[in-house]
Amino acid sequence: MPKYIITGGPGAGKTSLLTELQELGYSVSEEASRQLIIEEVNKGSNCLPWIDLSAFAEKALERMRELYFAAPDNTVTFFDRGIPDIIAYLKAASIDPDAKYYQALFKCQYQSKVFILAPWESIYVNDSERWQTFEEAGRLYESIKETYEELGFELIELPRASTKERAEFVVAHIENLVSTTK
């Protein structure tokens, strides 16, 4: 079954959207990076994106692979970010992603259509896992968008709307995609 990525810069409403999709009965996969940050902070580790992005990216890659292969095969699953996000974050930090990221992406076959949320200042909030300013979040969004396009994904930008309306937008798109492939 299809595995869709929902992406965008930090604080654009991805997690809220995924919660809404889960409430509608869809399978969702948590954001690997956010959970890793919590775990690494609790351990007192330096393996954090603002300290050692390369080491953090490697851990995030392994977690994303685990989440991908743990997703059920018999239903549509939505992922809070995908492997291309790691590549985009590395590029944004002027770190050249090595081949293992592209090899992992080849093994994790996400749907070619990816839902992306643009920066939205009125809903943006910092918290213990989201340290970036809104301007930095905007730059990361641009890197994410560029990376997905370079990798051949088709981006579907979600409207600035309520979480419920965004979820309806996503569901309408995937239902349309399924009906056009039958």
N, C-alpha and C. Protein backbone atom coordinates (compact mmCIF):
# COMPACT_ATOMS: atom_id res chain seq x y z
N MET A 1 0.85 -1.20 0.00
CA MET A 1 0.00 0.00 0.00
C MET A 1 0.88 1.25 0.00
N PRO A 2 0.32 2.35 -0.45
CA PRO A 2 1.10 3.59 -0.58
C PRO A 2 1.63 4.12 0.75
N LYS A 3 2.84 4.66 0.68
CA LYS A 3 3.49 5.29 1.82
C LYS A 3 3.78 6.73 1.42
N TYR A 4 3.00 7.65 1.99
CA TYR A 4 3.10 9.07 1.64
C TYR A 4 3.91 9.83 2.68
N ILE A 5 4.67 10.80 2.20
CA ILE A 5 5.42 11.69 3.07
C ILE A 5 4.66 13.01 3.20
N ILE A 6 4.62 13.51 4.43
CA ILE A 6 4.15 14.86 4.69
C ILE A 6 5.38 15.60 5.22
N THR A 7 5.76 16.67 4.52
CA THR A 7 6.99 17.38 4.86
C THR A 7 6.76 18.88 4.89
N GLY A 8 7.81 19.60 5.17
CA GLY A 8 7.78 21.05 5.23
C GLY A 8 8.79 21.50 6.27
N GLY A 9 8.95 22.77 6.39
CA GLY A 9 9.87 23.30 7.39
C GLY A 9 9.35 23.07 8.79
N PRO A 10 10.19 23.32 9.78
CA PRO A 10 9.74 23.17 11.16
C PRO A 10 8.55 24.09 11.47
N GLY A 11 7.62 23.57 12.26
CA GLY A 11 6.51 24.39 12.75
C GLY A 11 5.44 24.74 11.74
N ALA A 12 5.31 23.96 10.67
CA ALA A 12 4.33 24.27 9.63
C ALA A 12 3.00 23.54 9.83
N GLY A 13 2.90 22.69 10.85
CA GLY A 13 1.64 22.00 11.14
C GLY A 13 1.61 20.54 10.75
N LYS A 14 2.76 19.94 10.49
CA LYS A 14 2.81 18.53 10.07
C LYS A 14 2.25 17.58 11.13
N THR A 15 2.72 17.74 12.35
CA THR A 15 2.30 16.82 13.41
C THR A 15 0.81 16.92 13.68
N SER A 16 0.27 18.12 13.68
CA SER A 16 -1.18 18.29 13.88
C SER A 16 -1.96 17.63 12.75
N LEU A 17 -1.47 17.79 11.54
CA LEU A 17 -2.12 17.17 10.38
C LEU A 17 -2.09 15.65 10.50
N LEU A 18 -0.95 15.10 10.88
CA LEU A 18 -0.84 13.64 11.03
C LEU A 18 -1.77 13.13 12.13
N THR A 19 -1.91 13.88 13.21
CA THR A 19 -2.83 13.49 14.28
C THR A 19 -4.26 13.44 13.74
N GLU A 20 -4.61 14.42 12.95
CA GLU A 20 -5.96 14.46 12.34
C GLU A 20 -6.16 13.28 11.39
N LEU A 21 -5.15 12.97 10.58
CA LEU A 21 -5.26 11.83 9.66
C LEU A 21 -5.39 10.52 10.43
N GLN A 22 -4.69 10.42 11.55
CA GLN A 22 -4.80 9.22 12.38
C GLN A 22 -6.21 9.10 12.96
N GLU A 23 -6.77 10.22 13.38
CA GLU A 23 -8.14 10.21 13.89
C GLU A 23 -9.14 9.81 12.81
N LEU A 24 -8.78 10.03 11.55
CA LEU A 24 -9.65 9.61 10.43
C LEU A 24 -9.44 8.14 10.08
N GLY A 25 -8.54 7.47 10.81
CA GLY A 25 -8.34 6.04 10.61
C GLY A 25 -7.13 5.65 9.78
N TYR A 26 -6.32 6.61 9.40
CA TYR A 26 -5.12 6.30 8.60
C TYR A 26 -3.96 5.93 9.52
N SER A 27 -3.07 5.12 8.99
CA SER A 27 -1.84 4.77 9.68
C SER A 27 -0.87 5.93 9.53
N VAL A 28 -0.24 6.33 10.63
CA VAL A 28 0.75 7.41 10.58
C VAL A 28 2.02 6.97 11.29
N SER A 29 3.12 7.56 10.88
CA SER A 29 4.41 7.28 11.49
C SER A 29 4.96 8.58 12.05
N GLU A 30 5.40 8.51 13.30
CA GLU A 30 5.90 9.70 13.99
C GLU A 30 7.13 10.29 13.32
N GLU A 31 7.44 11.51 13.69
CA GLU A 31 8.66 12.14 13.18
C GLU A 31 9.86 11.57 13.92
N ALA A 32 10.74 10.92 13.20
CA ALA A 32 11.92 10.28 13.80
C ALA A 32 12.82 11.30 14.50
N SER A 33 13.06 12.43 13.87
CA SER A 33 14.00 13.42 14.40
C SER A 33 13.56 13.97 15.73
N ARG A 34 12.29 14.30 15.84
CA ARG A 34 11.78 14.89 17.08
C ARG A 34 11.97 13.91 18.24
N GLN A 35 11.61 12.66 18.02
CA GLN A 35 11.77 11.65 19.06
C GLN A 35 13.24 11.45 19.42
N LEU A 36 14.09 11.43 18.40
CA LEU A 36 15.53 11.28 18.64
C LEU A 36 16.09 12.44 19.47
N ILE A 37 15.66 13.64 19.18
CA ILE A 37 16.12 14.80 19.94
C ILE A 37 15.76 14.62 21.42
N ILE A 38 14.53 14.21 21.68
CA ILE A 38 14.10 13.99 23.07
C ILE A 38 14.99 12.95 23.74
N GLU A 39 15.22 11.83 23.05
CA GLU A 39 16.04 10.75 23.60
C GLU A 39 17.48 11.21 23.86
N GLU A 40 18.07 11.91 22.89
CA GLU A 40 19.47 12.33 23.02
C GLU A 40 19.64 13.39 24.10
N VAL A 41 18.69 14.30 24.23
CA VAL A 41 18.74 15.31 25.30
C VAL A 41 18.66 14.61 26.65
N ASN A 42 17.74 13.64 26.78
CA ASN A 42 17.59 12.91 28.04
C ASN A 42 18.85 12.14 28.42
N LYS A 43 19.63 11.70 27.43
CA LYS A 43 20.88 10.98 27.69
C LYS A 43 22.04 11.93 27.95
N GLY A 44 21.84 13.22 27.69
CA GLY A 44 22.93 14.18 27.82
C GLY A 44 23.93 14.05 26.68
N SER A 45 23.48 13.57 25.55
CA SER A 45 24.33 13.30 24.39
C SER A 45 24.63 14.57 23.60
N ASN A 46 25.74 14.53 22.87
CA ASN A 46 26.07 15.61 21.92
C ASN A 46 25.56 15.29 20.53
N CYS A 47 24.88 14.17 20.37
CA CYS A 47 24.36 13.76 19.07
C CYS A 47 23.02 14.48 18.83
N LEU A 48 23.13 15.78 18.64
CA LEU A 48 21.97 16.64 18.42
C LEU A 48 22.20 17.47 17.17
N PRO A 49 21.16 17.81 16.45
CA PRO A 49 21.37 18.50 15.17
C PRO A 49 22.08 19.84 15.30
N TRP A 50 21.96 20.51 16.41
CA TRP A 50 22.62 21.81 16.57
C TRP A 50 24.04 21.67 17.12
N ILE A 51 24.44 20.43 17.46
CA ILE A 51 25.81 20.19 17.93
C ILE A 51 26.60 19.36 16.92
N ASP A 52 26.03 18.22 16.50
CA ASP A 52 26.71 17.32 15.56
C ASP A 52 25.69 16.78 14.57
N LEU A 53 25.38 17.59 13.57
CA LEU A 53 24.35 17.24 12.60
C LEU A 53 24.67 15.94 11.86
N SER A 54 25.91 15.71 11.50
CA SER A 54 26.27 14.50 10.77
C SER A 54 25.95 13.24 11.57
N ALA A 55 26.33 13.22 12.83
CA ALA A 55 26.05 12.05 13.69
C ALA A 55 24.54 11.91 13.90
N PHE A 56 23.87 13.04 14.11
CA PHE A 56 22.42 13.00 14.30
C PHE A 56 21.73 12.47 13.04
N ALA A 57 22.18 12.91 11.88
CA ALA A 57 21.57 12.48 10.61
C ALA A 57 21.68 10.97 10.44
N GLU A 58 22.80 10.40 10.85
CA GLU A 58 22.97 8.95 10.75
C GLU A 58 21.96 8.22 11.63
N LYS A 59 21.77 8.70 12.85
CA LYS A 59 20.77 8.09 13.74
C LYS A 59 19.36 8.28 13.19
N ALA A 60 19.10 9.46 12.64
CA ALA A 60 17.78 9.73 12.07
C ALA A 60 17.52 8.81 10.88
N LEU A 61 18.53 8.58 10.07
CA LEU A 61 18.38 7.69 8.92
C LEU A 61 17.99 6.29 9.38
N GLU A 62 18.70 5.77 10.36
CA GLU A 62 18.39 4.43 10.86
C GLU A 62 16.97 4.36 11.42
N ARG A 63 16.57 5.39 12.16
CA ARG A 63 15.21 5.41 12.73
C ARG A 63 14.16 5.50 11.62
N MET A 64 14.42 6.32 10.60
CA MET A 64 13.46 6.43 9.50
C MET A 64 13.32 5.11 8.74
N ARG A 65 14.41 4.42 8.56
CA ARG A 65 14.36 3.10 7.90
C ARG A 65 13.53 2.14 8.74
N GLU A 66 13.74 2.14 10.05
CA GLU A 66 12.96 1.27 10.94
C GLU A 66 11.47 1.60 10.85
N LEU A 67 11.15 2.87 10.88
CA LEU A 67 9.75 3.29 10.81
C LEU A 67 9.13 2.90 9.46
N TYR A 68 9.89 3.06 8.40
CA TYR A 68 9.39 2.70 7.07
C TYR A 68 9.04 1.21 7.02
N PHE A 69 9.96 0.37 7.45
CA PHE A 69 9.73 -1.07 7.34
C PHE A 69 8.77 -1.60 8.40
N ALA A 70 8.49 -0.81 9.44
CA ALA A 70 7.51 -1.20 10.46
C ALA A 70 6.09 -0.83 10.05
N ALA A 71 5.95 0.02 9.04
CA ALA A 71 4.61 0.46 8.61
C ALA A 71 3.83 -0.72 8.05
N PRO A 72 2.54 -0.77 8.32
CA PRO A 72 1.73 -1.88 7.82
C PRO A 72 1.67 -1.90 6.30
N ASP A 73 1.68 -3.09 5.73
CA ASP A 73 1.63 -3.24 4.27
C ASP A 73 0.22 -3.18 3.71
N ASN A 74 -0.78 -3.29 4.56
CA ASN A 74 -2.15 -3.42 4.08
C ASN A 74 -2.97 -2.13 4.15
N THR A 75 -2.30 -1.00 4.38
CA THR A 75 -3.04 0.25 4.48
C THR A 75 -2.15 1.43 4.06
N VAL A 76 -2.78 2.53 3.73
CA VAL A 76 -2.05 3.76 3.42
C VAL A 76 -1.39 4.25 4.71
N THR A 77 -0.13 4.65 4.62
CA THR A 77 0.59 5.20 5.77
C THR A 77 1.13 6.57 5.40
N PHE A 78 1.02 7.50 6.34
CA PHE A 78 1.58 8.84 6.19
C PHE A 78 2.77 8.97 7.14
N PHE A 79 3.88 9.47 6.60
CA PHE A 79 5.11 9.65 7.38
C PHE A 79 5.34 11.12 7.65
N ASP A 80 5.67 11.42 8.91
CA ASP A 80 6.06 12.77 9.30
C ASP A 80 7.53 12.92 8.91
N ARG A 81 7.75 13.41 7.71
CA ARG A 81 9.06 13.53 7.07
C ARG A 81 9.50 12.20 6.49
N GLY A 82 10.47 12.29 5.57
CA GLY A 82 11.04 11.11 4.94
C GLY A 82 12.54 11.28 4.81
N ILE A 83 13.18 10.28 4.27
CA ILE A 83 14.64 10.30 4.11
C ILE A 83 15.13 11.53 3.34
N PRO A 84 14.39 12.01 2.32
CA PRO A 84 14.86 13.23 1.64
C PRO A 84 15.01 14.43 2.58
N ASP A 85 14.26 14.45 3.68
CA ASP A 85 14.39 15.55 4.64
C ASP A 85 15.79 15.57 5.26
N ILE A 86 16.34 14.38 5.54
CA ILE A 86 17.69 14.32 6.11
C ILE A 86 18.68 14.92 5.10
N ILE A 87 18.53 14.52 3.85
CA ILE A 87 19.41 15.02 2.79
C ILE A 87 19.31 16.55 2.72
N ALA A 88 18.09 17.06 2.81
CA ALA A 88 17.87 18.51 2.73
C ALA A 88 18.50 19.24 3.92
N TYR A 89 18.37 18.69 5.11
CA TYR A 89 18.96 19.32 6.29
C TYR A 89 20.48 19.34 6.18
N LEU A 90 21.07 18.24 5.70
CA LEU A 90 22.52 18.20 5.52
C LEU A 90 22.96 19.25 4.50
N LYS A 91 22.25 19.31 3.37
CA LYS A 91 22.59 20.30 2.34
C LYS A 91 22.46 21.73 2.88
N ALA A 92 21.42 21.99 3.66
CA ALA A 92 21.22 23.33 4.21
C ALA A 92 22.38 23.72 5.13
N ALA A 93 23.03 22.71 5.72
CA ALA A 93 24.18 22.97 6.60
C ALA A 93 25.51 22.86 5.84
N SER A 94 25.43 22.81 4.51
CA SER A 94 26.62 22.69 3.65
C SER A 94 27.42 21.41 3.93
N ILE A 95 26.70 20.34 4.25
CA ILE A 95 27.30 19.02 4.44
C ILE A 95 26.85 18.16 3.26
N ASP A 96 27.80 17.58 2.55
CA ASP A 96 27.48 16.75 1.39
C ASP A 96 26.98 15.38 1.87
N PRO A 97 25.72 15.05 1.62
CA PRO A 97 25.21 13.74 2.05
C PRO A 97 25.91 12.61 1.30
N ASP A 98 26.36 11.59 2.03
CA ASP A 98 27.05 10.52 1.33
C ASP A 98 26.04 9.51 0.77
N ALA A 99 26.55 8.54 0.06
CA ALA A 99 25.73 7.60 -0.71
C ALA A 99 24.73 6.83 0.13
N LYS A 100 25.01 6.61 1.41
CA LYS A 100 24.10 5.78 2.22
C LYS A 100 22.70 6.37 2.30
N TYR A 101 22.58 7.70 2.22
CA TYR A 101 21.25 8.33 2.28
C TYR A 101 20.46 8.04 1.01
N TYR A 102 21.13 8.10 -0.12
CA TYR A 102 20.47 7.82 -1.39
C TYR A 102 20.16 6.33 -1.53
N GLN A 103 21.05 5.49 -1.02
CA GLN A 103 20.81 4.04 -1.05
C GLN A 103 19.60 3.68 -0.19
N ALA A 104 19.50 4.29 0.97
CA ALA A 104 18.35 4.04 1.85
C ALA A 104 17.07 4.51 1.19
N LEU A 105 17.12 5.65 0.53
CA LEU A 105 15.94 6.17 -0.16
C LEU A 105 15.50 5.21 -1.26
N PHE A 106 16.46 4.62 -1.97
CA PHE A 106 16.14 3.66 -3.02
C PHE A 106 15.42 2.44 -2.44
N LYS A 107 15.78 2.03 -1.24
CA LYS A 107 15.16 0.86 -0.60
C LYS A 107 13.82 1.19 0.03
N CYS A 108 13.61 2.43 0.37
CA CYS A 108 12.36 2.88 0.98
C CYS A 108 11.55 3.61 -0.09
N GLN A 109 10.69 2.89 -0.74
CA GLN A 109 9.94 3.43 -1.88
C GLN A 109 8.69 4.18 -1.44
N TYR A 110 8.86 5.46 -1.18
CA TYR A 110 7.73 6.32 -0.86
C TYR A 110 6.96 6.64 -2.14
N GLN A 111 5.73 7.09 -1.99
CA GLN A 111 4.97 7.56 -3.14
C GLN A 111 5.67 8.77 -3.76
N SER A 112 5.55 8.92 -5.06
CA SER A 112 6.23 10.02 -5.74
C SER A 112 5.57 11.37 -5.47
N LYS A 113 4.32 11.36 -5.05
CA LYS A 113 3.64 12.60 -4.70
C LYS A 113 3.79 12.83 -3.20
N VAL A 114 4.34 13.98 -2.85
CA VAL A 114 4.65 14.32 -1.46
C VAL A 114 3.87 15.57 -1.08
N PHE A 115 3.25 15.53 0.10
CA PHE A 115 2.51 16.68 0.60
C PHE A 115 3.48 17.57 1.39
N ILE A 116 3.48 18.87 1.05
CA ILE A 116 4.41 19.81 1.68
C ILE A 116 3.64 20.99 2.27
N LEU A 117 4.06 21.38 3.46
CA LEU A 117 3.45 22.51 4.15
C LEU A 117 4.44 23.67 4.17
N ALA A 118 4.02 24.80 3.67
CA ALA A 118 4.86 26.00 3.62
C ALA A 118 4.93 26.65 5.00
N PRO A 119 5.97 27.45 5.22
CA PRO A 119 6.07 28.17 6.50
C PRO A 119 4.82 29.03 6.73
N TRP A 120 4.40 29.08 7.97
CA TRP A 120 3.18 29.83 8.32
C TRP A 120 3.43 30.46 9.68
N GLU A 121 3.79 31.73 9.64
CA GLU A 121 4.26 32.41 10.86
C GLU A 121 3.22 32.42 11.98
N SER A 122 1.95 32.53 11.65
CA SER A 122 0.94 32.63 12.72
C SER A 122 0.75 31.34 13.51
N ILE A 123 1.23 30.20 13.00
CA ILE A 123 1.13 28.96 13.78
C ILE A 123 2.50 28.49 14.28
N TYR A 124 3.56 29.19 13.90
CA TYR A 124 4.91 28.78 14.26
C TYR A 124 5.19 29.02 15.74
N VAL A 125 5.69 27.99 16.41
CA VAL A 125 6.09 28.11 17.82
C VAL A 125 7.41 27.37 18.04
N ASN A 126 8.25 27.93 18.88
CA ASN A 126 9.47 27.23 19.29
C ASN A 126 9.13 26.35 20.48
N ASP A 127 9.84 25.24 20.59
CA ASP A 127 9.74 24.40 21.77
C ASP A 127 11.10 23.74 21.98
N SER A 128 11.18 22.78 22.89
CA SER A 128 12.48 22.21 23.23
C SER A 128 13.11 21.41 22.08
N GLU A 129 12.30 20.97 21.11
CA GLU A 129 12.85 20.25 19.96
C GLU A 129 12.92 21.12 18.71
N ARG A 130 12.31 22.26 18.73
CA ARG A 130 12.29 23.16 17.58
C ARG A 130 12.98 24.46 17.97
N TRP A 131 14.26 24.52 17.70
CA TRP A 131 15.09 25.64 18.15
C TRP A 131 15.22 26.73 17.10
N GLN A 132 14.82 26.46 15.86
CA GLN A 132 15.06 27.41 14.77
C GLN A 132 14.14 28.63 14.89
N THR A 133 14.65 29.76 14.39
CA THR A 133 13.79 30.93 14.26
C THR A 133 12.84 30.69 13.08
N PHE A 134 11.84 31.52 12.94
CA PHE A 134 10.93 31.38 11.80
C PHE A 134 11.68 31.56 10.48
N GLU A 135 12.64 32.48 10.46
CA GLU A 135 13.42 32.71 9.24
C GLU A 135 14.25 31.48 8.89
N GLU A 136 14.85 30.85 9.90
CA GLU A 136 15.60 29.61 9.66
C GLU A 136 14.68 28.49 9.17
N ALA A 137 13.49 28.43 9.75
CA ALA A 137 12.52 27.43 9.31
C ALA A 137 12.16 27.64 7.84
N GLY A 138 12.08 28.90 7.43
CA GLY A 138 11.80 29.21 6.02
C GLY A 138 12.93 28.77 5.11
N ARG A 139 14.16 28.96 5.54
CA ARG A 139 15.31 28.51 4.74
C ARG A 139 15.35 26.98 4.65
N LEU A 140 15.02 26.31 5.74
CA LEU A 140 14.97 24.84 5.72
C LEU A 140 13.87 24.36 4.78
N TYR A 141 12.73 25.05 4.80
CA TYR A 141 11.63 24.71 3.88
C TYR A 141 12.12 24.78 2.43
N GLU A 142 12.85 25.83 2.10
CA GLU A 142 13.35 25.98 0.73
C GLU A 142 14.31 24.85 0.37
N SER A 143 15.17 24.47 1.31
CA SER A 143 16.09 23.36 1.06
C SER A 143 15.33 22.04 0.89
N ILE A 144 14.32 21.84 1.72
CA ILE A 144 13.49 20.63 1.62
C ILE A 144 12.79 20.58 0.27
N LYS A 145 12.18 21.68 -0.11
CA LYS A 145 11.46 21.75 -1.38
C LYS A 145 12.41 21.46 -2.55
N GLU A 146 13.54 22.11 -2.56
CA GLU A 146 14.52 21.93 -3.63
C GLU A 146 15.03 20.48 -3.69
N THR A 147 15.30 19.90 -2.53
CA THR A 147 15.81 18.53 -2.48
C THR A 147 14.79 17.53 -3.01
N TYR A 148 13.56 17.65 -2.58
CA TYR A 148 12.52 16.73 -3.07
C TYR A 148 12.37 16.85 -4.58
N GLU A 149 12.37 18.08 -5.08
CA GLU A 149 12.25 18.27 -6.53
C GLU A 149 13.44 17.67 -7.27
N GLU A 150 14.66 17.88 -6.74
CA GLU A 150 15.86 17.31 -7.37
C GLU A 150 15.80 15.78 -7.39
N LEU A 151 15.17 15.19 -6.38
CA LEU A 151 15.08 13.73 -6.29
C LEU A 151 13.91 13.16 -7.11
N GLY A 152 13.18 14.03 -7.79
CA GLY A 152 12.12 13.58 -8.69
C GLY A 152 10.74 13.42 -8.07
N PHE A 153 10.55 13.92 -6.87
CA PHE A 153 9.23 13.86 -6.24
C PHE A 153 8.36 15.00 -6.76
N GLU A 154 7.06 14.77 -6.80
CA GLU A 154 6.10 15.81 -7.17
C GLU A 154 5.50 16.36 -5.88
N LEU A 155 5.69 17.65 -5.64
CA LEU A 155 5.20 18.25 -4.40
C LEU A 155 3.79 18.79 -4.56
N ILE A 156 2.97 18.48 -3.58
CA ILE A 156 1.60 19.00 -3.52
C ILE A 156 1.55 19.89 -2.29
N GLU A 157 1.46 21.21 -2.52
CA GLU A 157 1.46 22.15 -1.40
C GLU A 157 0.08 22.23 -0.78
N LEU A 158 0.05 22.10 0.54
CA LEU A 158 -1.21 22.18 1.26
C LEU A 158 -1.58 23.63 1.51
N PRO A 159 -2.86 23.92 1.51
CA PRO A 159 -3.29 25.30 1.76
C PRO A 159 -3.11 25.68 3.23
N ARG A 160 -3.01 26.96 3.48
CA ARG A 160 -3.04 27.44 4.86
C ARG A 160 -4.51 27.42 5.26
N ALA A 161 -4.85 26.45 6.06
CA ALA A 161 -6.24 26.24 6.46
C ALA A 161 -6.24 25.50 7.79
N SER A 162 -7.42 25.23 8.30
CA SER A 162 -7.50 24.49 9.56
C SER A 162 -6.92 23.09 9.37
N THR A 163 -6.57 22.47 10.46
CA THR A 163 -6.03 21.11 10.40
C THR A 163 -7.03 20.17 9.74
N LYS A 164 -8.30 20.33 10.09
CA LYS A 164 -9.36 19.49 9.50
C LYS A 164 -9.42 19.68 7.99
N GLU A 165 -9.37 20.93 7.53
CA GLU A 165 -9.41 21.21 6.09
C GLU A 165 -8.18 20.67 5.38
N ARG A 166 -7.03 20.75 6.03
CA ARG A 166 -5.81 20.19 5.44
C ARG A 166 -5.93 18.68 5.31
N ALA A 167 -6.45 18.04 6.34
CA ALA A 167 -6.63 16.58 6.29
C ALA A 167 -7.60 16.20 5.17
N GLU A 168 -8.67 16.94 5.02
CA GLU A 168 -9.63 16.68 3.94
C GLU A 168 -8.97 16.85 2.58
N PHE A 169 -8.11 17.84 2.46
CA PHE A 169 -7.36 18.09 1.22
C PHE A 169 -6.49 16.88 0.89
N VAL A 170 -5.75 16.37 1.88
CA VAL A 170 -4.87 15.21 1.67
C VAL A 170 -5.70 13.99 1.28
N VAL A 171 -6.77 13.73 2.02
CA VAL A 171 -7.61 12.56 1.74
C VAL A 171 -8.20 12.65 0.33
N ALA A 172 -8.67 13.82 -0.04
CA ALA A 172 -9.24 13.99 -1.40
C ALA A 172 -8.17 13.69 -2.45
N HIS A 173 -6.95 14.13 -2.22
CA HIS A 173 -5.87 13.88 -3.18
C HIS A 173 -5.52 12.40 -3.28
N ILE A 174 -5.44 11.73 -2.14
CA ILE A 174 -5.06 10.31 -2.23
C ILE A 174 -6.19 9.48 -2.81
N GLU A 175 -7.43 9.85 -2.52
CA GLU A 175 -8.56 9.13 -3.13
C GLU A 175 -8.57 9.35 -4.63
N ASN A 176 -8.25 10.56 -5.08
CA ASN A 176 -8.17 10.86 -6.51
C ASN A 176 -7.03 10.07 -7.14
N LEU A 177 -5.88 9.99 -6.46
CA LEU A 177 -4.74 9.25 -7.00
C LEU A 177 -5.07 7.77 -7.13
N VAL A 178 -5.76 7.21 -6.13
CA VAL A 178 -6.13 5.80 -6.18
C VAL A 178 -7.13 5.55 -7.30
N SER A 179 -8.12 6.43 -7.47
CA SER A 179 -9.14 6.20 -8.49
C SER A 179 -8.59 6.37 -9.89
N THR A 180 -7.55 7.20 -10.07
CA THR A 180 -6.99 7.36 -11.42
C THR A 180 -6.02 6.25 -11.81
N THR A 181 -5.61 5.44 -10.81
CA THR A 181 -4.70 4.33 -11.14
C THR A 181 -5.45 3.02 -11.33
N LYS A 182 -6.76 3.03 -11.09
CA LYS A 182 -7.55 1.78 -11.27
C LYS A 182 -7.97 1.60 -12.71
